N, C-alpha and C. Protein backbone atom coordinates (compact mmCIF):
# COMPACT_ATOMS: atom_id res chain seq x y z
N MET A 1 -5.43 26.85 19.37
CA MET A 1 -4.48 25.96 19.96
C MET A 1 -5.01 24.52 19.96
N GLU A 2 -6.30 24.41 20.20
CA GLU A 2 -6.91 23.07 20.21
C GLU A 2 -6.87 22.45 18.82
N ASN A 3 -6.99 23.30 17.79
CA ASN A 3 -6.91 22.83 16.41
C ASN A 3 -5.55 22.20 16.11
N VAL A 4 -4.49 22.83 16.54
CA VAL A 4 -3.14 22.34 16.32
C VAL A 4 -2.95 21.00 17.04
N SER A 5 -3.43 20.91 18.25
CA SER A 5 -3.33 19.68 19.02
C SER A 5 -4.11 18.56 18.35
N ASN A 6 -5.28 18.89 17.85
CA ASN A 6 -6.10 17.90 17.16
C ASN A 6 -5.42 17.43 15.87
N MET A 7 -4.80 18.35 15.14
CA MET A 7 -4.09 17.99 13.91
C MET A 7 -2.89 17.10 14.22
N ARG A 8 -2.17 17.38 15.30
CA ARG A 8 -1.03 16.56 15.67
C ARG A 8 -1.45 15.15 16.04
N SER A 9 -2.52 15.03 16.79
CA SER A 9 -2.97 13.69 17.18
C SER A 9 -3.48 12.92 15.97
N THR A 10 -4.15 13.59 15.04
CA THR A 10 -4.61 12.95 13.82
C THR A 10 -3.42 12.50 12.98
N TRP A 11 -2.41 13.36 12.83
CA TRP A 11 -1.23 13.00 12.07
C TRP A 11 -0.51 11.82 12.72
N PHE A 12 -0.39 11.84 14.04
CA PHE A 12 0.27 10.76 14.76
C PHE A 12 -0.47 9.45 14.57
N PHE A 13 -1.80 9.49 14.64
CA PHE A 13 -2.61 8.29 14.45
C PHE A 13 -2.42 7.73 13.03
N HIS A 14 -2.48 8.59 12.03
CA HIS A 14 -2.33 8.14 10.65
C HIS A 14 -0.93 7.61 10.39
N SER A 15 0.06 8.21 11.01
CA SER A 15 1.43 7.74 10.85
C SER A 15 1.59 6.34 11.44
N LYS A 16 1.07 6.13 12.63
CA LYS A 16 1.14 4.82 13.28
C LYS A 16 0.36 3.78 12.48
N LEU A 17 -0.83 4.17 12.00
CA LEU A 17 -1.65 3.26 11.22
C LEU A 17 -0.93 2.86 9.94
N ARG A 18 -0.32 3.81 9.28
CA ARG A 18 0.41 3.52 8.05
C ARG A 18 1.58 2.58 8.33
N SER A 19 2.26 2.78 9.44
CA SER A 19 3.37 1.90 9.81
C SER A 19 2.88 0.49 10.05
N TRP A 20 1.80 0.33 10.77
CA TRP A 20 1.26 -1.01 11.03
C TRP A 20 0.77 -1.68 9.76
N LEU A 21 0.16 -0.92 8.87
CA LEU A 21 -0.28 -1.50 7.60
C LEU A 21 0.90 -1.94 6.75
N THR A 22 1.97 -1.17 6.77
CA THR A 22 3.18 -1.55 6.03
C THR A 22 3.78 -2.82 6.60
N ILE A 23 3.90 -2.90 7.91
CA ILE A 23 4.44 -4.10 8.56
C ILE A 23 3.57 -5.31 8.26
N THR A 24 2.26 -5.14 8.33
CA THR A 24 1.34 -6.25 8.04
C THR A 24 1.50 -6.71 6.60
N GLY A 25 1.62 -5.79 5.67
CA GLY A 25 1.81 -6.14 4.26
C GLY A 25 3.11 -6.90 4.03
N ILE A 26 4.16 -6.49 4.68
CA ILE A 26 5.45 -7.19 4.54
C ILE A 26 5.35 -8.59 5.11
N VAL A 27 4.74 -8.75 6.27
CA VAL A 27 4.60 -10.07 6.88
C VAL A 27 3.77 -10.99 5.99
N ILE A 28 2.66 -10.50 5.46
CA ILE A 28 1.82 -11.31 4.58
C ILE A 28 2.58 -11.68 3.31
N GLY A 29 3.32 -10.75 2.75
CA GLY A 29 4.10 -11.03 1.54
C GLY A 29 5.16 -12.08 1.76
N VAL A 30 5.89 -11.99 2.85
CA VAL A 30 6.93 -12.98 3.16
C VAL A 30 6.30 -14.35 3.40
N ALA A 31 5.19 -14.39 4.11
CA ALA A 31 4.50 -15.67 4.36
C ALA A 31 4.02 -16.28 3.05
N ALA A 32 3.53 -15.47 2.13
CA ALA A 32 3.06 -15.98 0.84
C ALA A 32 4.21 -16.56 0.03
N VAL A 33 5.35 -15.90 0.02
CA VAL A 33 6.51 -16.40 -0.71
C VAL A 33 6.99 -17.72 -0.11
N ILE A 34 7.04 -17.81 1.20
CA ILE A 34 7.46 -19.05 1.85
C ILE A 34 6.49 -20.18 1.52
N ALA A 35 5.20 -19.90 1.54
CA ALA A 35 4.20 -20.93 1.23
C ALA A 35 4.33 -21.41 -0.21
N ILE A 36 4.55 -20.50 -1.14
CA ILE A 36 4.67 -20.88 -2.55
C ILE A 36 5.92 -21.71 -2.78
N VAL A 37 7.03 -21.31 -2.19
CA VAL A 37 8.28 -22.03 -2.38
C VAL A 37 8.21 -23.42 -1.77
N SER A 38 7.64 -23.55 -0.58
CA SER A 38 7.55 -24.88 0.04
C SER A 38 6.57 -25.76 -0.70
N ASN A 39 5.49 -25.20 -1.22
CA ASN A 39 4.51 -25.98 -1.98
C ASN A 39 5.11 -26.44 -3.31
N ARG A 40 5.94 -25.61 -3.91
CA ARG A 40 6.58 -25.97 -5.18
C ARG A 40 7.48 -27.19 -5.01
N GLY A 41 8.23 -27.24 -3.94
CA GLY A 41 9.09 -28.40 -3.68
C GLY A 41 8.30 -29.67 -3.47
N ARG A 42 7.19 -29.56 -2.76
CA ARG A 42 6.33 -30.71 -2.52
C ARG A 42 5.71 -31.21 -3.83
N ASN A 43 5.27 -30.28 -4.67
CA ASN A 43 4.67 -30.65 -5.95
C ASN A 43 5.69 -31.29 -6.88
N ALA A 44 6.92 -30.82 -6.89
CA ALA A 44 7.97 -31.40 -7.73
C ALA A 44 8.25 -32.83 -7.32
N ALA A 45 8.30 -33.10 -6.03
CA ALA A 45 8.55 -34.45 -5.55
C ALA A 45 7.40 -35.38 -5.93
N THR A 46 6.17 -34.91 -5.83
CA THR A 46 5.01 -35.71 -6.20
C THR A 46 5.01 -36.01 -7.70
N LEU A 47 5.31 -35.02 -8.51
CA LEU A 47 5.35 -35.21 -9.95
C LEU A 47 6.44 -36.20 -10.35
N ASN A 48 7.60 -36.07 -9.74
CA ASN A 48 8.68 -37.01 -10.05
C ASN A 48 8.32 -38.43 -9.67
N SER A 49 7.69 -38.63 -8.54
CA SER A 49 7.31 -39.99 -8.15
C SER A 49 6.25 -40.56 -9.09
N GLN A 50 5.32 -39.73 -9.55
CA GLN A 50 4.30 -40.20 -10.48
C GLN A 50 4.90 -40.54 -11.84
N LEU A 51 5.84 -39.73 -12.32
CA LEU A 51 6.49 -40.03 -13.59
C LEU A 51 7.34 -41.28 -13.51
N ASN A 52 8.00 -41.48 -12.38
CA ASN A 52 8.80 -42.70 -12.21
C ASN A 52 7.91 -43.93 -12.17
N ALA A 53 6.72 -43.81 -11.61
CA ALA A 53 5.79 -44.94 -11.58
C ALA A 53 5.29 -45.28 -12.98
N LEU A 54 5.23 -44.30 -13.87
CA LEU A 54 4.79 -44.55 -15.24
C LEU A 54 5.90 -45.11 -16.12
N GLY A 55 7.11 -45.14 -15.65
CA GLY A 55 8.23 -45.58 -16.47
C GLY A 55 8.78 -44.41 -17.25
N GLY A 56 9.13 -43.38 -16.57
CA GLY A 56 9.60 -42.15 -17.19
C GLY A 56 10.96 -42.25 -17.83
N ASP A 57 11.63 -43.41 -17.72
CA ASP A 57 12.95 -43.55 -18.31
C ASP A 57 12.89 -44.09 -19.73
N ILE A 58 11.71 -44.33 -20.27
CA ILE A 58 11.53 -44.85 -21.62
C ILE A 58 11.03 -43.72 -22.52
N VAL A 59 11.71 -43.51 -23.63
CA VAL A 59 11.32 -42.49 -24.59
C VAL A 59 11.04 -43.17 -25.92
N THR A 60 9.90 -42.88 -26.51
CA THR A 60 9.55 -43.45 -27.81
C THR A 60 9.57 -42.34 -28.85
N ILE A 61 10.31 -42.59 -29.94
CA ILE A 61 10.39 -41.61 -31.02
C ILE A 61 9.79 -42.25 -32.26
N SER A 62 8.81 -41.59 -32.84
CA SER A 62 8.15 -42.11 -34.04
C SER A 62 8.33 -41.13 -35.18
N PRO A 63 8.66 -41.61 -36.39
CA PRO A 63 8.82 -40.71 -37.53
C PRO A 63 7.47 -40.32 -38.11
N GLY A 64 7.45 -39.25 -38.89
CA GLY A 64 6.26 -38.90 -39.62
C GLY A 64 5.48 -37.72 -39.05
N PHE A 65 5.89 -37.15 -37.95
CA PHE A 65 5.19 -36.01 -37.40
C PHE A 65 6.17 -34.90 -37.14
N GLU A 66 5.88 -33.75 -37.71
CA GLU A 66 6.72 -32.59 -37.49
C GLU A 66 5.90 -31.53 -36.79
N ARG A 67 6.29 -31.17 -35.63
CA ARG A 67 5.55 -30.18 -34.84
C ARG A 67 5.80 -28.78 -35.41
N GLY A 68 4.72 -28.05 -35.55
CA GLY A 68 4.82 -26.66 -35.98
C GLY A 68 4.77 -26.47 -37.48
N ARG A 69 4.71 -27.51 -38.25
CA ARG A 69 4.64 -27.37 -39.69
C ARG A 69 3.34 -27.96 -40.21
N GLY A 70 2.78 -27.33 -41.17
CA GLY A 70 1.57 -27.85 -41.80
C GLY A 70 1.91 -28.52 -43.11
N ASN A 71 0.98 -29.25 -43.64
CA ASN A 71 1.17 -29.91 -44.94
C ASN A 71 0.65 -28.97 -46.03
N PHE A 72 1.49 -28.04 -46.45
CA PHE A 72 1.10 -27.09 -47.48
C PHE A 72 1.66 -27.56 -48.82
N SER A 73 0.86 -27.47 -49.86
CA SER A 73 1.30 -27.90 -51.19
C SER A 73 1.78 -26.71 -51.99
């Protein structure tokens, strides 16, 4: 009888532990996604301001260079 009681308490402990680990994993995952998304917006704003400071509205096109092709005879 003591064996059955011991098995029940062990099962109950493992079940609770598994539940807490699952909840902790979900919370960490959601926090990571929120951090990445908010950091991405901040980085985009910084990049845009730096490009605007460089004069990002000017495009120079020069002839004579073809990307992806070699000079094969």
